[in-house]
Amino acid sequence: MKRVTYKDLVAQIAPQIKEYFPWDIEEKLDKGDDMLFLDVRENQEYDTMYIENSLHVPRGILETAVEWDHEETEPELVEARDREIVVVCRSGSRSIFAAYTLMQMGYNNVSSLKTGLRGWNEYDLPLVDMEGKSVDPEIGDRYFANKLLDFQRKPVK
């Protein structure tokens, strides 16, 4: 059996997910669309910077956060099955998986932010820090820059 990579999985799922670029979301917000931004990054990522008023549910607890009677239950998310939800992550891949999961669990209006918060920041849309203060896009650029270490790269043979 052929080994499937993370990129392969994203490519398989992506065609089933509605994706919006940051400028598409900006247009929808300008028209007054009511969207719930669902940030599925890890705690330390979210704590650094995020879209103001977004709901934070790390990808690892998503399935229990969307249902009652779990320690991770997020009532706003449980009750949002018909609300427009835009799932966000760093680059737009984890959000594809999360959007797919939400659709499988009965959510009817889910999309993923294509390019993720990296693209959101590059398009100069606002992000805030833990204290709710605006983050300078240049700081965002440095934060979202690819930081692969040598030992994380595929060895050259």
N, C-alpha and C. Protein backbone atom coordinates (compact mmCIF):
# COMPACT_ATOMS: atom_id res chain seq x y z
N MET A 1 0.84 -1.17 0.00
CA MET A 1 0.00 0.00 0.00
C MET A 1 0.90 1.25 0.00
N LYS A 2 0.54 2.23 -0.83
CA LYS A 2 1.31 3.47 -0.95
C LYS A 2 1.16 4.30 0.32
N ARG A 3 2.26 4.84 0.78
CA ARG A 3 2.25 5.71 1.95
C ARG A 3 1.58 7.03 1.58
N VAL A 4 0.63 7.46 2.37
CA VAL A 4 -0.08 8.70 2.14
C VAL A 4 0.53 9.77 3.04
N THR A 5 0.83 10.93 2.47
CA THR A 5 1.42 12.02 3.24
C THR A 5 0.33 12.99 3.70
N TYR A 6 0.74 13.88 4.57
CA TYR A 6 -0.15 14.95 5.05
C TYR A 6 -0.65 15.77 3.87
N LYS A 7 0.24 16.12 2.96
CA LYS A 7 -0.16 16.91 1.78
C LYS A 7 -1.15 16.13 0.92
N ASP A 8 -0.96 14.82 0.81
CA ASP A 8 -1.90 13.98 0.06
C ASP A 8 -3.30 14.05 0.69
N LEU A 9 -3.35 13.95 2.02
CA LEU A 9 -4.64 13.99 2.71
C LEU A 9 -5.33 15.34 2.51
N VAL A 10 -4.57 16.42 2.62
CA VAL A 10 -5.14 17.75 2.39
C VAL A 10 -5.69 17.84 0.98
N ALA A 11 -4.93 17.36 0.01
CA ALA A 11 -5.36 17.41 -1.40
C ALA A 11 -6.61 16.58 -1.64
N GLN A 12 -6.77 15.48 -0.93
CA GLN A 12 -7.97 14.64 -1.08
C GLN A 12 -9.21 15.32 -0.51
N ILE A 13 -9.05 16.00 0.61
CA ILE A 13 -10.19 16.59 1.30
C ILE A 13 -10.56 17.97 0.75
N ALA A 14 -9.57 18.75 0.35
CA ALA A 14 -9.78 20.16 -0.05
C ALA A 14 -10.90 20.37 -1.06
N PRO A 15 -11.04 19.53 -2.09
CA PRO A 15 -12.12 19.78 -3.06
C PRO A 15 -13.52 19.73 -2.46
N GLN A 16 -13.66 19.12 -1.28
CA GLN A 16 -14.97 19.01 -0.64
C GLN A 16 -15.27 20.19 0.28
N ILE A 17 -14.28 21.08 0.46
CA ILE A 17 -14.40 22.17 1.41
C ILE A 17 -14.46 23.51 0.67
N LYS A 18 -15.40 24.34 1.07
CA LYS A 18 -15.49 25.70 0.55
C LYS A 18 -14.34 26.49 1.20
N GLU A 19 -13.55 27.17 0.36
CA GLU A 19 -12.44 27.96 0.88
C GLU A 19 -12.60 29.41 0.44
N TYR A 20 -12.24 30.31 1.33
CA TYR A 20 -12.26 31.73 1.02
C TYR A 20 -10.87 32.32 1.26
N PHE A 21 -10.45 33.19 0.35
CA PHE A 21 -9.24 33.97 0.57
C PHE A 21 -9.56 35.09 1.56
N PRO A 22 -8.54 35.67 2.18
CA PRO A 22 -8.79 36.77 3.12
C PRO A 22 -9.62 37.91 2.53
N TRP A 23 -9.37 38.27 1.28
CA TRP A 23 -10.11 39.37 0.67
C TRP A 23 -11.58 39.02 0.46
N ASP A 24 -11.87 37.73 0.27
CA ASP A 24 -13.27 37.30 0.16
C ASP A 24 -13.98 37.48 1.51
N ILE A 25 -13.29 37.13 2.58
CA ILE A 25 -13.85 37.28 3.92
C ILE A 25 -14.05 38.76 4.23
N GLU A 26 -13.09 39.59 3.85
CA GLU A 26 -13.21 41.02 4.08
C GLU A 26 -14.47 41.56 3.39
N GLU A 27 -14.71 41.13 2.16
CA GLU A 27 -15.92 41.55 1.43
C GLU A 27 -17.19 41.12 2.18
N LYS A 28 -17.19 39.87 2.64
CA LYS A 28 -18.36 39.36 3.35
C LYS A 28 -18.59 40.16 4.64
N LEU A 29 -17.52 40.47 5.35
CA LEU A 29 -17.65 41.26 6.57
C LEU A 29 -18.15 42.67 6.26
N ASP A 30 -17.64 43.26 5.17
CA ASP A 30 -18.08 44.60 4.76
C ASP A 30 -19.57 44.62 4.43
N LYS A 31 -20.09 43.49 3.92
CA LYS A 31 -21.52 43.39 3.61
C LYS A 31 -22.36 43.12 4.85
N GLY A 32 -21.68 42.88 5.97
CA GLY A 32 -22.41 42.64 7.21
C GLY A 32 -22.69 41.18 7.51
N ASP A 33 -22.07 40.27 6.78
CA ASP A 33 -22.27 38.84 7.06
C ASP A 33 -21.84 38.52 8.49
N ASP A 34 -22.65 37.73 9.17
CA ASP A 34 -22.34 37.32 10.53
C ASP A 34 -21.61 35.98 10.47
N MET A 35 -20.32 36.01 10.77
CA MET A 35 -19.51 34.79 10.70
C MET A 35 -18.89 34.49 12.05
N LEU A 36 -18.80 33.22 12.33
CA LEU A 36 -18.07 32.77 13.51
C LEU A 36 -16.71 32.29 13.03
N PHE A 37 -15.66 32.95 13.50
CA PHE A 37 -14.31 32.51 13.20
C PHE A 37 -13.92 31.47 14.24
N LEU A 38 -13.57 30.28 13.77
CA LEU A 38 -13.17 29.19 14.64
C LEU A 38 -11.69 28.93 14.42
N ASP A 39 -10.88 29.24 15.40
CA ASP A 39 -9.43 29.09 15.31
C ASP A 39 -9.06 27.74 15.92
N VAL A 40 -8.47 26.86 15.10
CA VAL A 40 -8.16 25.49 15.55
C VAL A 40 -6.68 25.28 15.84
N ARG A 41 -5.94 26.36 15.96
CA ARG A 41 -4.51 26.23 16.28
C ARG A 41 -4.32 25.83 17.74
N GLU A 42 -3.11 25.46 18.08
CA GLU A 42 -2.78 25.09 19.45
C GLU A 42 -2.79 26.32 20.36
N ASN A 43 -2.87 26.07 21.66
CA ASN A 43 -2.98 27.16 22.63
C ASN A 43 -1.91 28.23 22.48
N GLN A 44 -0.64 27.83 22.40
CA GLN A 44 0.43 28.83 22.34
C GLN A 44 0.37 29.63 21.04
N GLU A 45 -0.11 29.04 19.96
CA GLU A 45 -0.27 29.77 18.71
C GLU A 45 -1.37 30.83 18.85
N TYR A 46 -2.48 30.40 19.39
CA TYR A 46 -3.62 31.31 19.56
C TYR A 46 -3.25 32.46 20.50
N ASP A 47 -2.57 32.13 21.59
CA ASP A 47 -2.21 33.14 22.57
C ASP A 47 -1.30 34.22 22.00
N THR A 48 -0.57 33.91 20.95
CA THR A 48 0.35 34.88 20.35
C THR A 48 -0.42 35.94 19.56
N MET A 49 -1.34 35.51 18.70
CA MET A 49 -2.17 36.45 17.93
C MET A 49 -3.32 35.70 17.29
N TYR A 50 -4.44 36.42 17.10
CA TYR A 50 -5.64 35.79 16.56
C TYR A 50 -6.57 36.86 16.00
N ILE A 51 -7.60 36.42 15.28
CA ILE A 51 -8.64 37.32 14.80
C ILE A 51 -9.53 37.66 16.00
N GLU A 52 -9.75 38.94 16.19
CA GLU A 52 -10.55 39.39 17.34
C GLU A 52 -11.92 38.71 17.34
N ASN A 53 -12.36 38.30 18.51
CA ASN A 53 -13.65 37.65 18.74
C ASN A 53 -13.75 36.24 18.15
N SER A 54 -12.63 35.68 17.71
CA SER A 54 -12.69 34.30 17.21
C SER A 54 -12.83 33.35 18.40
N LEU A 55 -13.42 32.21 18.12
CA LEU A 55 -13.58 31.16 19.12
C LEU A 55 -12.40 30.21 18.97
N HIS A 56 -11.75 29.91 20.07
CA HIS A 56 -10.57 29.05 20.02
C HIS A 56 -10.93 27.64 20.49
N VAL A 57 -10.78 26.68 19.58
CA VAL A 57 -10.94 25.27 19.90
C VAL A 57 -9.82 24.52 19.18
N PRO A 58 -8.78 24.11 19.92
CA PRO A 58 -7.69 23.39 19.26
C PRO A 58 -8.21 22.17 18.50
N ARG A 59 -7.59 21.89 17.38
CA ARG A 59 -8.00 20.78 16.51
C ARG A 59 -8.13 19.47 17.27
N GLY A 60 -7.28 19.25 18.23
CA GLY A 60 -7.26 17.99 18.96
C GLY A 60 -8.49 17.72 19.81
N ILE A 61 -9.28 18.74 20.13
CA ILE A 61 -10.48 18.52 20.95
C ILE A 61 -11.77 18.90 20.21
N LEU A 62 -11.66 19.13 18.93
CA LEU A 62 -12.80 19.61 18.16
C LEU A 62 -14.03 18.71 18.26
N GLU A 63 -13.83 17.42 18.12
CA GLU A 63 -14.98 16.50 18.09
C GLU A 63 -15.78 16.52 19.39
N THR A 64 -15.12 16.72 20.51
CA THR A 64 -15.86 16.78 21.77
C THR A 64 -16.34 18.19 22.08
N ALA A 65 -15.70 19.20 21.52
CA ALA A 65 -16.12 20.58 21.76
C ALA A 65 -17.46 20.90 21.09
N VAL A 66 -17.83 20.14 20.06
CA VAL A 66 -19.06 20.44 19.31
C VAL A 66 -20.28 19.69 19.83
N GLU A 67 -20.11 18.97 20.94
CA GLU A 67 -21.22 18.22 21.50
C GLU A 67 -21.35 18.51 22.99
N TRP A 68 -22.59 18.41 23.48
CA TRP A 68 -22.84 18.61 24.91
C TRP A 68 -22.24 17.48 25.72
N ASP A 69 -22.06 17.74 26.99
CA ASP A 69 -21.68 16.75 27.99
C ASP A 69 -20.22 16.28 27.91
N HIS A 70 -19.35 17.18 27.49
CA HIS A 70 -17.92 16.90 27.51
C HIS A 70 -17.23 18.07 28.22
N GLU A 71 -16.12 17.81 28.85
CA GLU A 71 -15.38 18.88 29.49
C GLU A 71 -14.94 19.95 28.49
N GLU A 72 -14.78 19.56 27.23
CA GLU A 72 -14.34 20.50 26.19
C GLU A 72 -15.50 21.20 25.49
N THR A 73 -16.74 20.89 25.84
CA THR A 73 -17.91 21.46 25.17
C THR A 73 -17.83 22.98 25.10
N GLU A 74 -18.03 23.52 23.91
CA GLU A 74 -18.11 24.96 23.67
C GLU A 74 -19.54 25.26 23.23
N PRO A 75 -20.39 25.74 24.16
CA PRO A 75 -21.80 25.96 23.83
C PRO A 75 -22.03 26.78 22.56
N GLU A 76 -21.25 27.83 22.35
CA GLU A 76 -21.45 28.64 21.15
C GLU A 76 -21.27 27.81 19.88
N LEU A 77 -20.31 26.90 19.92
CA LEU A 77 -20.06 26.06 18.75
C LEU A 77 -21.12 24.96 18.62
N VAL A 78 -21.53 24.38 19.72
CA VAL A 78 -22.58 23.36 19.68
C VAL A 78 -23.83 23.92 19.01
N GLU A 79 -24.15 25.17 19.33
CA GLU A 79 -25.38 25.79 18.84
C GLU A 79 -25.22 26.47 17.48
N ALA A 80 -24.08 26.30 16.83
CA ALA A 80 -23.80 27.01 15.58
C ALA A 80 -23.90 26.12 14.35
N ARG A 81 -24.65 25.05 14.41
CA ARG A 81 -24.70 24.11 13.28
C ARG A 81 -25.22 24.72 11.98
N ASP A 82 -26.01 25.79 12.08
CA ASP A 82 -26.51 26.43 10.86
C ASP A 82 -25.88 27.81 10.63
N ARG A 83 -25.02 28.22 11.51
CA ARG A 83 -24.36 29.52 11.39
C ARG A 83 -23.17 29.41 10.43
N GLU A 84 -22.82 30.52 9.80
CA GLU A 84 -21.64 30.51 8.93
C GLU A 84 -20.38 30.48 9.78
N ILE A 85 -19.59 29.42 9.60
CA ILE A 85 -18.35 29.24 10.36
C ILE A 85 -17.18 29.26 9.39
N VAL A 86 -16.19 30.09 9.71
CA VAL A 86 -14.94 30.12 8.94
C VAL A 86 -13.86 29.56 9.84
N VAL A 87 -13.31 28.42 9.46
CA VAL A 87 -12.28 27.78 10.26
C VAL A 87 -10.92 28.33 9.84
N VAL A 88 -10.11 28.67 10.85
CA VAL A 88 -8.79 29.25 10.56
C VAL A 88 -7.70 28.49 11.30
N CYS A 89 -6.53 28.49 10.67
CA CYS A 89 -5.32 27.95 11.29
C CYS A 89 -4.15 28.79 10.77
N ARG A 90 -2.95 28.30 10.90
CA ARG A 90 -1.78 29.08 10.50
C ARG A 90 -1.69 29.26 8.98
N SER A 91 -1.84 28.15 8.24
CA SER A 91 -1.61 28.22 6.79
C SER A 91 -2.79 27.77 5.93
N GLY A 92 -3.82 27.20 6.55
CA GLY A 92 -4.99 26.79 5.78
C GLY A 92 -5.10 25.30 5.55
N SER A 93 -4.26 24.49 6.18
CA SER A 93 -4.35 23.04 6.02
C SER A 93 -5.12 22.39 7.17
N ARG A 94 -4.73 22.68 8.40
CA ARG A 94 -5.47 22.11 9.54
C ARG A 94 -6.92 22.53 9.49
N SER A 95 -7.17 23.74 9.00
CA SER A 95 -8.56 24.22 8.93
C SER A 95 -9.37 23.41 7.93
N ILE A 96 -8.73 22.86 6.92
CA ILE A 96 -9.44 21.99 5.96
C ILE A 96 -9.91 20.73 6.68
N PHE A 97 -9.03 20.12 7.47
CA PHE A 97 -9.41 18.93 8.22
C PHE A 97 -10.53 19.24 9.21
N ALA A 98 -10.40 20.38 9.90
CA ALA A 98 -11.42 20.75 10.89
C ALA A 98 -12.76 21.02 10.21
N ALA A 99 -12.75 21.72 9.08
CA ALA A 99 -14.00 21.99 8.36
C ALA A 99 -14.64 20.68 7.90
N TYR A 100 -13.83 19.77 7.42
CA TYR A 100 -14.32 18.46 6.99
C TYR A 100 -14.99 17.72 8.16
N THR A 101 -14.34 17.75 9.31
CA THR A 101 -14.89 17.12 10.50
C THR A 101 -16.22 17.74 10.89
N LEU A 102 -16.28 19.08 10.89
CA LEU A 102 -17.54 19.76 11.23
C LEU A 102 -18.66 19.37 10.27
N MET A 103 -18.33 19.29 8.98
CA MET A 103 -19.35 18.89 8.00
C MET A 103 -19.85 17.48 8.29
N GLN A 104 -18.93 16.58 8.62
CA GLN A 104 -19.33 15.21 8.94
C GLN A 104 -20.20 15.15 10.19
N MET A 105 -20.03 16.13 11.07
CA MET A 105 -20.77 16.14 12.33
C MET A 105 -22.03 17.00 12.25
N GLY A 106 -22.45 17.35 11.03
CA GLY A 106 -23.74 17.99 10.84
C GLY A 106 -23.74 19.50 10.74
N TYR A 107 -22.60 20.11 10.56
CA TYR A 107 -22.55 21.57 10.38
C TYR A 107 -22.82 21.88 8.91
N ASN A 108 -23.65 22.88 8.66
CA ASN A 108 -24.18 23.11 7.32
C ASN A 108 -23.55 24.24 6.53
N ASN A 109 -22.80 25.11 7.18
CA ASN A 109 -22.27 26.29 6.49
C ASN A 109 -20.84 26.55 6.96
N VAL A 110 -19.94 25.65 6.59
CA VAL A 110 -18.56 25.68 7.06
C VAL A 110 -17.63 25.95 5.88
N SER A 111 -16.63 26.79 6.14
CA SER A 111 -15.58 27.04 5.14
C SER A 111 -14.25 27.12 5.85
N SER A 112 -13.19 27.18 5.04
CA SER A 112 -11.83 27.27 5.56
C SER A 112 -11.19 28.54 5.00
N LEU A 113 -10.39 29.21 5.83
CA LEU A 113 -9.66 30.38 5.37
C LEU A 113 -8.44 29.92 4.59
N LYS A 114 -8.51 30.07 3.27
CA LYS A 114 -7.39 29.69 2.40
C LYS A 114 -6.22 30.63 2.69
N THR A 115 -5.05 30.09 2.83
CA THR A 115 -3.80 30.77 3.20
C THR A 115 -3.71 31.00 4.71
N GLY A 116 -4.76 30.70 5.45
CA GLY A 116 -4.71 30.80 6.90
C GLY A 116 -4.40 32.19 7.42
N LEU A 117 -4.00 32.24 8.68
CA LEU A 117 -3.70 33.53 9.29
C LEU A 117 -2.44 34.15 8.70
N ARG A 118 -1.60 33.33 8.13
CA ARG A 118 -0.42 33.86 7.43
C ARG A 118 -0.89 34.78 6.30
N GLY A 119 -1.82 34.31 5.48
CA GLY A 119 -2.36 35.12 4.39
C GLY A 119 -3.20 36.28 4.88
N TRP A 120 -3.94 36.07 5.96
CA TRP A 120 -4.75 37.12 6.57
C TRP A 120 -3.84 38.29 6.95
N ASN A 121 -2.73 37.97 7.60
CA ASN A 121 -1.77 38.99 8.02
C ASN A 121 -1.10 39.65 6.81
N GLU A 122 -0.73 38.85 5.80
CA GLU A 122 -0.09 39.42 4.60
C GLU A 122 -1.03 40.39 3.89
N TYR A 123 -2.32 40.16 3.99
CA TYR A 123 -3.31 41.04 3.38
C TYR A 123 -3.64 42.23 4.29
N ASP A 124 -2.92 42.32 5.39
CA ASP A 124 -3.04 43.42 6.36
C ASP A 124 -4.41 43.49 7.03
N LEU A 125 -5.03 42.35 7.24
CA LEU A 125 -6.26 42.32 8.02
C LEU A 125 -5.87 42.20 9.49
N PRO A 126 -6.70 42.72 10.39
CA PRO A 126 -6.29 42.87 11.79
C PRO A 126 -6.20 41.57 12.58
N LEU A 127 -5.17 41.54 13.41
CA LEU A 127 -4.98 40.49 14.41
C LEU A 127 -4.74 41.18 15.75
N VAL A 128 -5.08 40.49 16.82
CA VAL A 128 -4.85 41.04 18.16
C VAL A 128 -4.04 40.04 18.99
N ASP A 129 -3.43 40.56 20.06
CA ASP A 129 -2.69 39.70 20.96
C ASP A 129 -3.56 39.31 22.15
N MET A 130 -2.97 38.64 23.12
CA MET A 130 -3.72 38.15 24.29
C MET A 130 -4.42 39.27 25.05
N GLU A 131 -3.87 40.47 24.98
CA GLU A 131 -4.46 41.60 25.69
C GLU A 131 -5.48 42.36 24.84
N GLY A 132 -5.73 41.86 23.63
CA GLY A 132 -6.68 42.52 22.74
C GLY A 132 -6.10 43.70 21.99
N LYS A 133 -4.78 43.87 22.05
CA LYS A 133 -4.12 44.98 21.35
C LYS A 133 -3.79 44.57 19.92
N SER A 134 -3.89 45.52 19.00
CA SER A 134 -3.57 45.26 17.60
C SER A 134 -2.13 44.80 17.44
N VAL A 135 -1.92 43.85 16.54
CA VAL A 135 -0.59 43.35 16.24
C VAL A 135 -0.13 43.98 14.94
N ASP A 136 1.05 44.57 14.95
CA ASP A 136 1.63 45.15 13.75
C ASP A 136 1.85 44.04 12.72
N PRO A 137 1.42 44.23 11.46
CA PRO A 137 1.59 43.19 10.44
C PRO A 137 3.03 42.72 10.27
N GLU A 138 4.01 43.59 10.53
CA GLU A 138 5.41 43.16 10.42
C GLU A 138 5.76 42.14 11.48
N ILE A 139 5.19 42.29 12.66
CA ILE A 139 5.39 41.29 13.72
C ILE A 139 4.74 39.98 13.29
N GLY A 140 3.55 40.09 12.70
CA GLY A 140 2.88 38.91 12.17
C GLY A 140 3.70 38.22 11.10
N ASP A 141 4.31 39.01 10.21
CA ASP A 141 5.16 38.43 9.16
C ASP A 141 6.27 37.59 9.77
N ARG A 142 6.92 38.12 10.79
CA ARG A 142 8.02 37.38 11.43
C ARG A 142 7.48 36.13 12.13
N TYR A 143 6.35 36.27 12.79
CA TYR A 143 5.78 35.13 13.50
C TYR A 143 5.36 34.01 12.54
N PHE A 144 4.72 34.37 11.45
CA PHE A 144 4.21 33.36 10.52
C PHE A 144 5.24 32.86 9.52
N ALA A 145 6.44 33.44 9.53
CA ALA A 145 7.49 32.99 8.61
C ALA A 145 7.81 31.51 8.88
N ASN A 146 8.16 30.80 7.83
CA ASN A 146 8.51 29.39 7.96
C ASN A 146 9.79 29.27 8.78
N LYS A 147 9.74 28.45 9.83
CA LYS A 147 10.88 28.31 10.73
C LYS A 147 11.36 26.86 10.82
N LEU A 148 11.34 26.16 9.72
CA LEU A 148 11.81 24.78 9.75
C LEU A 148 13.28 24.73 10.14
N LEU A 149 13.59 23.84 11.05
CA LEU A 149 14.98 23.62 11.44
C LEU A 149 15.57 22.55 10.53
N ASP A 150 16.89 22.52 10.43
CA ASP A 150 17.55 21.57 9.52
C ASP A 150 17.13 20.14 9.79
N PHE A 151 17.01 19.74 11.07
CA PHE A 151 16.68 18.35 11.37
C PHE A 151 15.23 18.00 11.03
N GLN A 152 14.39 19.01 10.73
CA GLN A 152 13.01 18.77 10.36
C GLN A 152 12.83 18.60 8.85
N ARG A 153 13.86 18.90 8.12
CA ARG A 153 13.79 18.79 6.66
C ARG A 153 14.09 17.37 6.20
N LYS A 154 13.46 16.99 5.10
CA LYS A 154 13.69 15.66 4.52
C LYS A 154 15.16 15.54 4.13
N PRO A 155 15.81 14.48 4.55
CA PRO A 155 17.24 14.31 4.21
C PRO A 155 17.44 14.20 2.70
N VAL A 156 18.53 14.79 2.24
CA VAL A 156 18.91 14.68 0.83
C VAL A 156 19.76 13.44 0.70
N LYS A 157 19.38 12.60 -0.24
CA LYS A 157 20.11 11.31 -0.39
C LYS A 157 21.10 11.38 -1.52
